[in-house]
Amino acid sequence: MLAGPPLVHGFVTSLISTLFLVVADVAFIRSYYFGMFLGYLVLDCLNGLVLLPVLLSMFGDRKVVIPEKELKKRQTVKRANAGDDAVVNPVYPDKQAVFGQSSAAPQISMI
């Protein structure tokens, strides 16, 4: 997913919405409000378009370590979905639900 177009769109729309302050009669509003807001917009746009992509390309691609318990849960679910109709609950692997064999309404239990 590209982050550039939404960032540029946000920058342009925020800039357009505050451009009327350039022609304000009060110098205080021009220098402090518009100037600071423009600086804020430029810093945010540079942060999103330059700094964060560079930092994520340097430090963002780390190996994900899955704990052994979670790995066993995922393998149980994969085995259950491999060819039969049984679905194994990864939290309670001893309880299985087989679809299509019961016409009764499902029972909801509070655990």
PDB file of N, CA and C in Angstrom:
ATOM      1  N   MET A   1       0.844  -1.171   0.000  1.00  0.00           N
ATOM      2  CA  MET A   1       0.000   0.000   0.000  1.00  0.00           C
ATOM      3  C   MET A   1       0.891   1.235   0.000  1.00  0.00           C
ATOM      4  N   LEU A   2       0.594   2.161  -0.854  1.00  0.00           N
ATOM      5  CA  LEU A   2       1.373   3.384  -0.971  1.00  0.00           C
ATOM      6  C   LEU A   2       0.883   4.419   0.033  1.00  0.00           C
ATOM      7  N   ALA A   3       1.822   5.071   0.711  1.00  0.00           N
ATOM      8  CA  ALA A   3       1.460   6.088   1.693  1.00  0.00           C
ATOM      9  C   ALA A   3       1.579   7.491   1.121  1.00  0.00           C
ATOM     10  N   GLY A   4       2.201   7.643  -0.037  1.00  0.00           N
ATOM     11  CA  GLY A   4       2.441   8.961  -0.607  1.00  0.00           C
ATOM     12  C   GLY A   4       1.194   9.736  -0.973  1.00  0.00           C
ATOM     13  N   PRO A   5       0.273   9.170  -1.765  1.00  0.00           N
ATOM     14  CA  PRO A   5      -0.901   9.950  -2.168  1.00  0.00           C
ATOM     15  C   PRO A   5      -1.754  10.469  -1.009  1.00  0.00           C
ATOM     16  N   PRO A   6      -2.056   9.682   0.031  1.00  0.00           N
ATOM     17  CA  PRO A   6      -2.831  10.258   1.135  1.00  0.00           C
ATOM     18  C   PRO A   6      -2.082  11.363   1.884  1.00  0.00           C
ATOM     19  N   LEU A   7      -0.766  11.226   2.007  1.00  0.00           N
ATOM     20  CA  LEU A   7      -0.002  12.262   2.690  1.00  0.00           C
ATOM     21  C   LEU A   7       0.006  13.568   1.898  1.00  0.00           C
ATOM     22  N   VAL A   8       0.222  13.458   0.601  1.00  0.00           N
ATOM     23  CA  VAL A   8       0.233  14.660  -0.241  1.00  0.00           C
ATOM     24  C   VAL A   8      -1.157  15.286  -0.281  1.00  0.00           C
ATOM     25  N   HIS A   9      -2.190  14.457  -0.347  1.00  0.00           N
ATOM     26  CA  HIS A   9      -3.568  14.974  -0.350  1.00  0.00           C
ATOM     27  C   HIS A   9      -3.851  15.722   0.951  1.00  0.00           C
ATOM     28  N   GLY A  10      -3.446  15.150   2.083  1.00  0.00           N
ATOM     29  CA  GLY A  10      -3.647  15.828   3.361  1.00  0.00           C
ATOM     30  C   GLY A  10      -2.870  17.130   3.451  1.00  0.00           C
ATOM     31  N   PHE A  11      -1.652  17.134   2.941  1.00  0.00           N
ATOM     32  CA  PHE A  11      -0.840  18.349   2.945  1.00  0.00           C
ATOM     33  C   PHE A  11      -1.497  19.443   2.108  1.00  0.00           C
ATOM     34  N   VAL A  12      -1.926  19.102   0.905  1.00  0.00           N
ATOM     35  CA  VAL A  12      -2.510  20.097   0.001  1.00  0.00           C
ATOM     36  C   VAL A  12      -3.829  20.628   0.553  1.00  0.00           C
ATOM     37  N   THR A  13      -4.693  19.758   1.059  1.00  0.00           N
ATOM     38  CA  THR A  13      -5.980  20.236   1.577  1.00  0.00           C
ATOM     39  C   THR A  13      -5.798  21.084   2.829  1.00  0.00           C
ATOM     40  N   SER A  14      -4.853  20.734   3.691  1.00  0.00           N
ATOM     41  CA  SER A  14      -4.596  21.571   4.873  1.00  0.00           C
ATOM     42  C   SER A  14      -4.010  22.915   4.467  1.00  0.00           C
ATOM     43  N   LEU A  15      -3.148  22.914   3.467  1.00  0.00           N
ATOM     44  CA  LEU A  15      -2.567  24.166   2.992  1.00  0.00           C
ATOM     45  C   LEU A  15      -3.637  25.065   2.366  1.00  0.00           C
ATOM     46  N   ILE A  16      -4.506  24.487   1.571  1.00  0.00           N
ATOM     47  CA  ILE A  16      -5.581  25.278   0.943  1.00  0.00           C
ATOM     48  C   ILE A  16      -6.503  25.870   2.002  1.00  0.00           C
ATOM     49  N   SER A  17      -6.786  25.083   3.045  1.00  0.00           N
ATOM     50  CA  SER A  17      -7.714  25.565   4.069  1.00  0.00           C
ATOM     51  C   SER A  17      -7.149  26.715   4.897  1.00  0.00           C
ATOM     52  N   THR A  18      -5.831  26.896   4.915  1.00  0.00           N
ATOM     53  CA  THR A  18      -5.240  27.984   5.697  1.00  0.00           C
ATOM     54  C   THR A  18      -4.624  29.085   4.833  1.00  0.00           C
ATOM     55  N   LEU A  19      -4.751  28.980   3.527  1.00  0.00           N
ATOM     56  CA  LEU A  19      -4.167  30.023   2.658  1.00  0.00           C
ATOM     57  C   LEU A  19      -4.822  31.383   2.846  1.00  0.00           C
ATOM     58  N   PHE A  20      -6.054  31.422   3.306  1.00  0.00           N
ATOM     59  CA  PHE A  20      -6.704  32.721   3.489  1.00  0.00           C
ATOM     60  C   PHE A  20      -6.023  33.543   4.586  1.00  0.00           C
ATOM     61  N   LEU A  21      -5.233  32.897   5.445  1.00  0.00           N
ATOM     62  CA  LEU A  21      -4.543  33.635   6.506  1.00  0.00           C
ATOM     63  C   LEU A  21      -3.367  34.452   5.986  1.00  0.00           C
ATOM     64  N   VAL A  22      -2.916  34.158   4.757  1.00  0.00           N
ATOM     65  CA  VAL A  22      -1.803  34.915   4.183  1.00  0.00           C
ATOM     66  C   VAL A  22      -2.203  36.377   3.974  1.00  0.00           C
ATOM     67  N   VAL A  23      -3.435  36.609   3.653  1.00  0.00           N
ATOM     68  CA  VAL A  23      -3.895  37.973   3.383  1.00  0.00           C
ATOM     69  C   VAL A  23      -4.511  38.624   4.609  1.00  0.00           C
ATOM     70  N   ALA A  24      -4.318  38.056   5.782  1.00  0.00           N
ATOM     71  CA  ALA A  24      -4.864  38.643   7.007  1.00  0.00           C
ATOM     72  C   ALA A  24      -4.184  39.977   7.299  1.00  0.00           C
ATOM     73  N   ASP A  25      -4.964  40.918   7.857  1.00  0.00           N
ATOM     74  CA  ASP A  25      -4.433  42.250   8.160  1.00  0.00           C
ATOM     75  C   ASP A  25      -3.524  42.235   9.387  1.00  0.00           C
ATOM     76  N   VAL A  26      -3.720  41.325  10.259  1.00  0.00           N
ATOM     77  CA  VAL A  26      -2.949  41.282  11.497  1.00  0.00           C
ATOM     78  C   VAL A  26      -1.664  40.471  11.257  1.00  0.00           C
ATOM     79  N   ALA A  27      -0.531  41.096  11.491  1.00  0.00           N
ATOM     80  CA  ALA A  27       0.752  40.434  11.251  1.00  0.00           C
ATOM     81  C   ALA A  27       0.967  39.275  12.210  1.00  0.00           C
ATOM     82  N   PHE A  28       0.404  39.396  13.394  1.00  0.00           N
ATOM     83  CA  PHE A  28       0.524  38.330  14.373  1.00  0.00           C
ATOM     84  C   PHE A  28      -0.048  37.011  13.831  1.00  0.00           C
ATOM     85  N   ILE A  29      -1.195  37.070  13.204  1.00  0.00           N
ATOM     86  CA  ILE A  29      -1.834  35.859  12.647  1.00  0.00           C
ATOM     87  C   ILE A  29      -1.009  35.314  11.492  1.00  0.00           C
ATOM     88  N   ARG A  30      -0.519  36.202  10.633  1.00  0.00           N
ATOM     89  CA  ARG A  30       0.294  35.746   9.499  1.00  0.00           C
ATOM     90  C   ARG A  30       1.552  35.049   9.964  1.00  0.00           C
ATOM     91  N   SER A  31       2.266  35.650  10.878  1.00  0.00           N
ATOM     92  CA  SER A  31       3.565  35.087  11.250  1.00  0.00           C
ATOM     93  C   SER A  31       3.433  33.909  12.203  1.00  0.00           C
ATOM     94  N   TYR A  32       2.574  34.012  13.203  1.00  0.00           N
ATOM     95  CA  TYR A  32       2.540  32.953  14.202  1.00  0.00           C
ATOM     96  C   TYR A  32       1.613  31.804  13.818  1.00  0.00           C
ATOM     97  N   TYR A  33       0.416  32.110  13.353  1.00  0.00           N
ATOM     98  CA  TYR A  33      -0.489  31.013  13.043  1.00  0.00           C
ATOM     99  C   TYR A  33      -0.151  30.371  11.696  1.00  0.00           C
ATOM    100  N   PHE A  34      -0.136  31.164  10.635  1.00  0.00           N
ATOM    101  CA  PHE A  34       0.115  30.581   9.319  1.00  0.00           C
ATOM    102  C   PHE A  34       1.534  30.061   9.196  1.00  0.00           C
ATOM    103  N   GLY A  35       2.511  30.818   9.665  1.00  0.00           N
ATOM    104  CA  GLY A  35       3.911  30.387   9.563  1.00  0.00           C
ATOM    105  C   GLY A  35       4.183  29.110  10.333  1.00  0.00           C
ATOM    106  N   MET A  36       3.665  29.046  11.550  1.00  0.00           N
ATOM    107  CA  MET A  36       3.884  27.843  12.349  1.00  0.00           C
ATOM    108  C   MET A  36       3.110  26.650  11.790  1.00  0.00           C
ATOM    109  N   PHE A  37       1.902  26.905  11.300  1.00  0.00           N
ATOM    110  CA  PHE A  37       1.118  25.815  10.732  1.00  0.00           C
ATOM    111  C   PHE A  37       1.760  25.304   9.443  1.00  0.00           C
ATOM    112  N   LEU A  38       2.291  26.200   8.623  1.00  0.00           N
ATOM    113  CA  LEU A  38       2.977  25.787   7.404  1.00  0.00           C
ATOM    114  C   LEU A  38       4.235  24.971   7.745  1.00  0.00           C
ATOM    115  N   GLY A  39       4.991  25.417   8.740  1.00  0.00           N
ATOM    116  CA  GLY A  39       6.157  24.648   9.167  1.00  0.00           C
ATOM    117  C   GLY A  39       5.773  23.273   9.688  1.00  0.00           C
ATOM    118  N   TYR A  40       4.701  23.220  10.435  1.00  0.00           N
ATOM    119  CA  TYR A  40       4.187  21.951  10.948  1.00  0.00           C
ATOM    120  C   TYR A  40       3.791  21.021   9.794  1.00  0.00           C
ATOM    121  N   LEU A  41       3.119  21.558   8.789  1.00  0.00           N
ATOM    122  CA  LEU A  41       2.712  20.750   7.631  1.00  0.00           C
ATOM    123  C   LEU A  41       3.920  20.221   6.867  1.00  0.00           C
ATOM    124  N   VAL A  42       4.910  21.069   6.646  1.00  0.00           N
ATOM    125  CA  VAL A  42       6.104  20.642   5.903  1.00  0.00           C
ATOM    126  C   VAL A  42       6.856  19.565   6.677  1.00  0.00           C
ATOM    127  N   LEU A  43       7.021  19.746   7.991  1.00  0.00           N
ATOM    128  CA  LEU A  43       7.718  18.732   8.799  1.00  0.00           C
ATOM    129  C   LEU A  43       6.960  17.401   8.806  1.00  0.00           C
ATOM    130  N   ASP A  44       5.641  17.460   8.923  1.00  0.00           N
ATOM    131  CA  ASP A  44       4.858  16.225   8.916  1.00  0.00           C
ATOM    132  C   ASP A  44       4.929  15.519   7.571  1.00  0.00           C
ATOM    133  N   CYS A  45       4.871  16.271   6.494  1.00  0.00           N
ATOM    134  CA  CYS A  45       4.941  15.660   5.169  1.00  0.00           C
ATOM    135  C   CYS A  45       6.319  15.035   4.928  1.00  0.00           C
ATOM    136  N   LEU A  46       7.376  15.730   5.322  1.00  0.00           N
ATOM    137  CA  LEU A  46       8.718  15.158   5.186  1.00  0.00           C
ATOM    138  C   LEU A  46       8.902  13.932   6.079  1.00  0.00           C
ATOM    139  N   ASN A  47       8.300  13.960   7.260  1.00  0.00           N
ATOM    140  CA  ASN A  47       8.375  12.824   8.162  1.00  0.00           C
ATOM    141  C   ASN A  47       7.729  11.590   7.534  1.00  0.00           C
ATOM    142  N   GLY A  48       6.562  11.771   6.950  1.00  0.00           N
ATOM    143  CA  GLY A  48       5.846  10.637   6.370  1.00  0.00           C
ATOM    144  C   GLY A  48       6.397  10.173   5.041  1.00  0.00           C
ATOM    145  N   LEU A  49       6.961  11.087   4.252  1.00  0.00           N
ATOM    146  CA  LEU A  49       7.438  10.716   2.920  1.00  0.00           C
ATOM    147  C   LEU A  49       8.915  10.351   2.867  1.00  0.00           C
ATOM    148  N   VAL A  50       9.715  10.859   3.810  1.00  0.00           N
ATOM    149  CA  VAL A  50      11.162  10.625   3.760  1.00  0.00           C
ATOM    150  C   VAL A  50      11.664   9.860   4.981  1.00  0.00           C
ATOM    151  N   LEU A  51      11.455  10.412   6.166  1.00  0.00           N
ATOM    152  CA  LEU A  51      12.077   9.856   7.365  1.00  0.00           C
ATOM    153  C   LEU A  51      11.559   8.459   7.716  1.00  0.00           C
ATOM    154  N   LEU A  52      10.248   8.300   7.829  1.00  0.00           N
ATOM    155  CA  LEU A  52       9.716   6.994   8.216  1.00  0.00           C
ATOM    156  C   LEU A  52      10.015   5.885   7.207  1.00  0.00           C
ATOM    157  N   PRO A  53       9.878   6.112   5.889  1.00  0.00           N
ATOM    158  CA  PRO A  53      10.249   5.036   4.964  1.00  0.00           C
ATOM    159  C   PRO A  53      11.722   4.644   5.056  1.00  0.00           C
ATOM    160  N   VAL A  54      12.598   5.636   5.272  1.00  0.00           N
ATOM    161  CA  VAL A  54      14.025   5.323   5.396  1.00  0.00           C
ATOM    162  C   VAL A  54      14.280   4.507   6.665  1.00  0.00           C
ATOM    163  N   LEU A  55      13.709   4.932   7.787  1.00  0.00           N
ATOM    164  CA  LEU A  55      13.906   4.197   9.037  1.00  0.00           C
ATOM    165  C   LEU A  55      13.305   2.792   8.975  1.00  0.00           C
ATOM    166  N   LEU A  56      12.131   2.668   8.374  1.00  0.00           N
ATOM    167  CA  LEU A  56      11.516   1.340   8.262  1.00  0.00           C
ATOM    168  C   LEU A  56      12.289   0.433   7.323  1.00  0.00           C
ATOM    169  N   SER A  57      12.912   1.003   6.290  1.00  0.00           N
ATOM    170  CA  SER A  57      13.712   0.158   5.404  1.00  0.00           C
ATOM    171  C   SER A  57      14.994  -0.307   6.086  1.00  0.00           C
ATOM    172  N   MET A  58      15.484   0.479   7.046  1.00  0.00           N
ATOM    173  CA  MET A  58      16.706   0.090   7.748  1.00  0.00           C
ATOM    174  C   MET A  58      16.434  -0.852   8.915  1.00  0.00           C
ATOM    175  N   PHE A  59      15.363  -0.592   9.686  1.00  0.00           N
ATOM    176  CA  PHE A  59      15.142  -1.336  10.923  1.00  0.00           C
ATOM    177  C   PHE A  59      13.830  -2.118  10.953  1.00  0.00           C
ATOM    178  N   GLY A  60      12.985  -1.990   9.963  1.00  0.00           N
ATOM    179  CA  GLY A  60      11.638  -2.538  10.052  1.00  0.00           C
ATOM    180  C   GLY A  60      11.478  -3.971   9.629  1.00  0.00           C
ATOM    181  N   ASP A  61      12.432  -4.570   8.975  1.00  0.00           N
ATOM    182  CA  ASP A  61      12.257  -5.921   8.458  1.00  0.00           C
ATOM    183  C   ASP A  61      13.005  -6.903   9.335  1.00  0.00           C
ATOM    184  N   ARG A  62      12.429  -7.210  10.470  1.00  0.00           N
ATOM    185  CA  ARG A  62      13.041  -8.153  11.408  1.00  0.00           C
ATOM    186  C   ARG A  62      12.327  -9.495  11.325  1.00  0.00           C
ATOM    187  N   LYS A  63      13.011 -10.539  11.704  1.00  0.00           N
ATOM    188  CA  LYS A  63      12.438 -11.871  11.723  1.00  0.00           C
ATOM    189  C   LYS A  63      11.432 -11.974  12.862  1.00  0.00           C
ATOM    190  N   VAL A  64      10.277 -12.527  12.566  1.00  0.00           N
ATOM    191  CA  VAL A  64       9.239 -12.710  13.566  1.00  0.00           C
ATOM    192  C   VAL A  64       9.429 -14.081  14.207  1.00  0.00           C
ATOM    193  N   VAL A  65       9.540 -14.108  15.514  1.00  0.00           N
ATOM    194  CA  VAL A  65       9.711 -15.353  16.249  1.00  0.00           C
ATOM    195  C   VAL A  65       8.372 -15.731  16.855  1.00  0.00           C
ATOM    196  N   ILE A  66       7.866 -16.905  16.469  1.00  0.00           N
ATOM    197  CA  ILE A  66       6.592 -17.391  16.980  1.00  0.00           C
ATOM    198  C   ILE A  66       6.885 -18.356  18.122  1.00  0.00           C
ATOM    199  N   PRO A  67       6.277 -18.141  19.295  1.00  0.00           N
ATOM    200  CA  PRO A  67       6.507 -19.064  20.409  1.00  0.00           C
ATOM    201  C   PRO A  67       6.052 -20.481  20.055  1.00  0.00           C
ATOM    202  N   GLU A  68       6.667 -21.458  20.688  1.00  0.00           N
ATOM    203  CA  GLU A  68       6.403 -22.866  20.395  1.00  0.00           C
ATOM    204  C   GLU A  68       4.934 -23.228  20.625  1.00  0.00           C
ATOM    205  N   LYS A  69       4.340 -22.678  21.675  1.00  0.00           N
ATOM    206  CA  LYS A  69       2.936 -22.977  21.977  1.00  0.00           C
ATOM    207  C   LYS A  69       2.017 -22.467  20.859  1.00  0.00           C
ATOM    208  N   GLU A  70       2.264 -21.274  20.386  1.00  0.00           N
ATOM    209  CA  GLU A  70       1.456 -20.704  19.304  1.00  0.00           C
ATOM    210  C   GLU A  70       1.671 -21.470  18.006  1.00  0.00           C
ATOM    211  N   LEU A  71       2.890 -21.900  17.747  1.00  0.00           N
ATOM    212  CA  LEU A  71       3.185 -22.674  16.545  1.00  0.00           C
ATOM    213  C   LEU A  71       2.426 -23.988  16.546  1.00  0.00           C
ATOM    214  N   LYS A  72       2.345 -24.659  17.694  1.00  0.00           N
ATOM    215  CA  LYS A  72       1.588 -25.909  17.791  1.00  0.00           C
ATOM    216  C   LYS A  72       0.103 -25.673  17.550  1.00  0.00           C
ATOM    217  N   LYS A  73      -0.433 -24.565  18.060  1.00  0.00           N
ATOM    218  CA  LYS A  73      -1.845 -24.240  17.827  1.00  0.00           C
ATOM    219  C   LYS A  73      -2.114 -24.045  16.338  1.00  0.00           C
ATOM    220  N   ARG A  74      -1.229 -23.332  15.663  1.00  0.00           N
ATOM    221  CA  ARG A  74      -1.419 -23.077  14.234  1.00  0.00           C
ATOM    222  C   ARG A  74      -1.325 -24.360  13.425  1.00  0.00           C
ATOM    223  N   GLN A  75      -0.409 -25.269  13.788  1.00  0.00           N
ATOM    224  CA  GLN A  75      -0.293 -26.541  13.078  1.00  0.00           C
ATOM    225  C   GLN A  75      -1.520 -27.400  13.302  1.00  0.00           C
ATOM    226  N   THR A  76      -2.112 -27.350  14.494  1.00  0.00           N
ATOM    227  CA  THR A  76      -3.330 -28.106  14.782  1.00  0.00           C
ATOM    228  C   THR A  76      -4.475 -27.619  13.912  1.00  0.00           C
ATOM    229  N   VAL A  77      -4.611 -26.324  13.773  1.00  0.00           N
ATOM    230  CA  VAL A  77      -5.683 -25.768  12.945  1.00  0.00           C
ATOM    231  C   VAL A  77      -5.458 -26.121  11.482  1.00  0.00           C
ATOM    232  N   LYS A  78      -4.209 -26.073  11.005  1.00  0.00           N
ATOM    233  CA  LYS A  78      -3.919 -26.428   9.615  1.00  0.00           C
ATOM    234  C   LYS A  78      -4.250 -27.893   9.350  1.00  0.00           C
ATOM    235  N   ARG A  79      -3.892 -28.792  10.297  1.00  0.00           N
ATOM    236  CA  ARG A  79      -4.185 -30.213  10.128  1.00  0.00           C
ATOM    237  C   ARG A  79      -5.684 -30.458  10.111  1.00  0.00           C
ATOM    238  N   ALA A  80      -6.420 -29.743  10.934  1.00  0.00           N
ATOM    239  CA  ALA A  80      -7.863 -29.950  11.002  1.00  0.00           C
ATOM    240  C   ALA A  80      -8.555 -29.469   9.737  1.00  0.00           C
ATOM    241  N   ASN A  81      -8.032 -28.427   9.119  1.00  0.00           N
ATOM    242  CA  ASN A  81      -8.658 -27.878   7.914  1.00  0.00           C
ATOM    243  C   ASN A  81      -8.113 -28.503   6.637  1.00  0.00           C
ATOM    244  N   ALA A  82      -7.267 -29.511   6.745  1.00  0.00           N
ATOM    245  CA  ALA A  82      -6.592 -30.060   5.566  1.00  0.00           C
ATOM    246  C   ALA A  82      -7.530 -30.829   4.651  1.00  0.00           C
ATOM    247  N   GLY A  83      -8.558 -31.497   5.158  1.00  0.00           N
ATOM    248  CA  GLY A  83      -9.391 -32.262   4.254  1.00  0.00           C
ATOM    249  C   GLY A  83     -10.710 -32.692   4.844  1.00  0.00           C
ATOM    250  N   ASP A  84     -10.822 -32.678   6.157  1.00  0.00           N
ATOM    251  CA  ASP A  84     -12.082 -33.089   6.757  1.00  0.00           C
ATOM    252  C   ASP A  84     -12.895 -31.860   7.136  1.00  0.00           C
ATOM    253  N   ASP A  85     -14.081 -32.098   7.681  1.00  0.00           N
ATOM    254  CA  ASP A  85     -14.962 -30.995   8.050  1.00  0.00           C
ATOM    255  C   ASP A  85     -14.788 -30.573   9.498  1.00  0.00           C
ATOM    256  N   ALA A  86     -13.859 -31.161  10.216  1.00  0.00           N
ATOM    257  CA  ALA A  86     -13.663 -30.831  11.623  1.00  0.00           C
ATOM    258  C   ALA A  86     -12.809 -29.574  11.748  1.00  0.00           C
ATOM    259  N   VAL A  87     -13.221 -28.707  12.635  1.00  0.00           N
ATOM    260  CA  VAL A  87     -12.462 -27.494  12.922  1.00  0.00           C
ATOM    261  C   VAL A  87     -12.029 -27.574  14.377  1.00  0.00           C
ATOM    262  N   VAL A  88     -10.737 -27.441  14.608  1.00  0.00           N
ATOM    263  CA  VAL A  88     -10.207 -27.537  15.955  1.00  0.00           C
ATOM    264  C   VAL A  88     -10.074 -26.142  16.531  1.00  0.00           C
ATOM    265  N   ASN A  89     -10.615 -25.990  17.724  1.00  0.00           N
ATOM    266  CA  ASN A  89     -10.476 -24.732  18.431  1.00  0.00           C
ATOM    267  C   ASN A  89      -9.042 -24.658  18.944  1.00  0.00           C
ATOM    268  N   PRO A  90      -8.259 -23.625  18.552  1.00  0.00           N
ATOM    269  CA  PRO A  90      -6.861 -23.574  18.981  1.00  0.00           C
ATOM    270  C   PRO A  90      -6.702 -23.380  20.489  1.00  0.00           C
ATOM    271  N   VAL A  91      -7.715 -22.826  21.153  1.00  0.00           N
ATOM    272  CA  VAL A  91      -7.623 -22.632  22.592  1.00  0.00           C
ATOM    273  C   VAL A  91      -7.908 -23.940  23.324  1.00  0.00           C
ATOM    274  N   TYR A  92      -8.925 -24.680  22.846  1.00  0.00           N
ATOM    275  CA  TYR A  92      -9.296 -25.969  23.426  1.00  0.00           C
ATOM    276  C   TYR A  92      -9.208 -27.035  22.327  1.00  0.00           C
ATOM    277  N   PRO A  93      -8.026 -27.554  22.023  1.00  0.00           N
ATOM    278  CA  PRO A  93      -7.878 -28.464  20.888  1.00  0.00           C
ATOM    279  C   PRO A  93      -8.595 -29.798  21.060  1.00  0.00           C
ATOM    280  N   ASP A  94      -8.995 -30.168  22.275  1.00  0.00           N
ATOM    281  CA  ASP A  94      -9.692 -31.435  22.450  1.00  0.00           C
ATOM    282  C   ASP A  94     -11.164 -31.339  22.084  1.00  0.00           C
ATOM    283  N   LYS A  95     -11.705 -30.133  21.928  1.00  0.00           N
ATOM    284  CA  LYS A  95     -13.109 -29.948  21.546  1.00  0.00           C
ATOM    285  C   LYS A  95     -13.168 -29.673  20.050  1.00  0.00           C
ATOM    286  N   GLN A  96     -13.865 -30.539  19.310  1.00  0.00           N
ATOM    287  CA  GLN A  96     -13.995 -30.368  17.868  1.00  0.00           C
ATOM    288  C   GLN A  96     -15.451 -30.151  17.503  1.00  0.00           C
ATOM    289  N   ALA A  97     -15.656 -29.373  16.476  1.00  0.00           N
ATOM    290  CA  ALA A  97     -16.999 -29.156  15.947  1.00  0.00           C
ATOM    291  C   ALA A  97     -17.017 -29.662  14.520  1.00  0.00           C
ATOM    292  N   VAL A  98     -17.947 -30.557  14.213  1.00  0.00           N
ATOM    293  CA  VAL A  98     -18.075 -31.091  12.868  1.00  0.00           C
ATOM    294  C   VAL A  98     -19.327 -30.480  12.260  1.00  0.00           C
ATOM    295  N   PHE A  99     -19.144 -29.796  11.135  1.00  0.00           N
ATOM    296  CA  PHE A  99     -20.250 -29.108  10.488  1.00  0.00           C
ATOM    297  C   PHE A  99     -21.009 -30.058   9.576  1.00  0.00           C
ATOM    298  N   GLY A 100     -22.335 -29.870   9.531  1.00  0.00           N
ATOM    299  CA  GLY A 100     -23.156 -30.636   8.609  1.00  0.00           C
ATOM    300  C   GLY A 100     -23.680 -31.939   9.164  1.00  0.00           C
ATOM    301  N   GLN A 101     -23.372 -32.301  10.413  1.00  0.00           N
ATOM    302  CA  GLN A 101     -23.843 -33.562  10.957  1.00  0.00           C
ATOM    303  C   GLN A 101     -24.958 -33.382  11.965  1.00  0.00           C
ATOM    304  N   SER A 102     -25.247 -32.183  12.381  1.00  0.00           N
ATOM    305  CA  SER A 102     -26.279 -31.961  13.377  1.00  0.00           C
ATOM    306  C   SER A 102     -27.239 -30.911  12.857  1.00  0.00           C
ATOM    307  N   SER A 103     -28.536 -31.177  13.000  1.00  0.00           N
ATOM    308  CA  SER A 103     -29.530 -30.208  12.554  1.00  0.00           C
ATOM    309  C   SER A 103     -30.015 -29.343  13.707  1.00  0.00           C
ATOM    310  N   ALA A 104     -29.548 -29.614  14.915  1.00  0.00           N
ATOM    311  CA  ALA A 104     -29.958 -28.832  16.076  1.00  0.00           C
ATOM    312  C   ALA A 104     -29.240 -27.487  16.078  1.00  0.00           C
ATOM    313  N   ALA A 105     -29.864 -26.536  16.760  1.00  0.00           N
ATOM    314  CA  ALA A 105     -29.253 -25.208  16.879  1.00  0.00           C
ATOM    315  C   ALA A 105     -28.006 -25.317  17.737  1.00  0.00           C
ATOM    316  N   PRO A 106     -26.992 -24.532  17.449  1.00  0.00           N
ATOM    317  CA  PRO A 106     -25.761 -24.615  18.232  1.00  0.00           C
ATOM    318  C   PRO A 106     -25.991 -24.178  19.672  1.00  0.00           C
ATOM    319  N   GLN A 107     -25.324 -24.846  20.581  1.00  0.00           N
ATOM    320  CA  GLN A 107     -25.413 -24.525  21.997  1.00  0.00           C
ATOM    321  C   GLN A 107     -24.340 -23.500  22.325  1.00  0.00           C
ATOM    322  N   ILE A 108     -24.727 -22.449  23.030  1.00  0.00           N
ATOM    323  CA  ILE A 108     -23.779 -21.423  23.444  1.00  0.00           C
ATOM    324  C   ILE A 108     -23.501 -21.625  24.922  1.00  0.00           C
ATOM    325  N   SER A 109     -22.259 -21.811  25.260  1.00  0.00           N
ATOM    326  CA  SER A 109     -21.912 -21.997  26.657  1.00  0.00           C
ATOM    327  C   SER A 109     -20.962 -20.909  27.104  1.00  0.00           C
ATOM    328  N   MET A 110     -21.111 -20.490  28.335  1.00  0.00           N
ATOM    329  CA  MET A 110     -20.233 -19.474  28.912  1.00  0.00           C
ATOM    330  C   MET A 110     -19.095 -20.174  29.631  1.00  0.00           C
ATOM    331  N   ILE A 111     -17.872 -19.850  29.259  1.00  0.00           N
ATOM    332  CA  ILE A 111     -16.723 -20.492  29.907  1.00  0.00           C
ATOM    333  C   ILE A 111     -16.008 -19.487  30.744  1.00  0.00           C
TER     334      ILE A 111
END
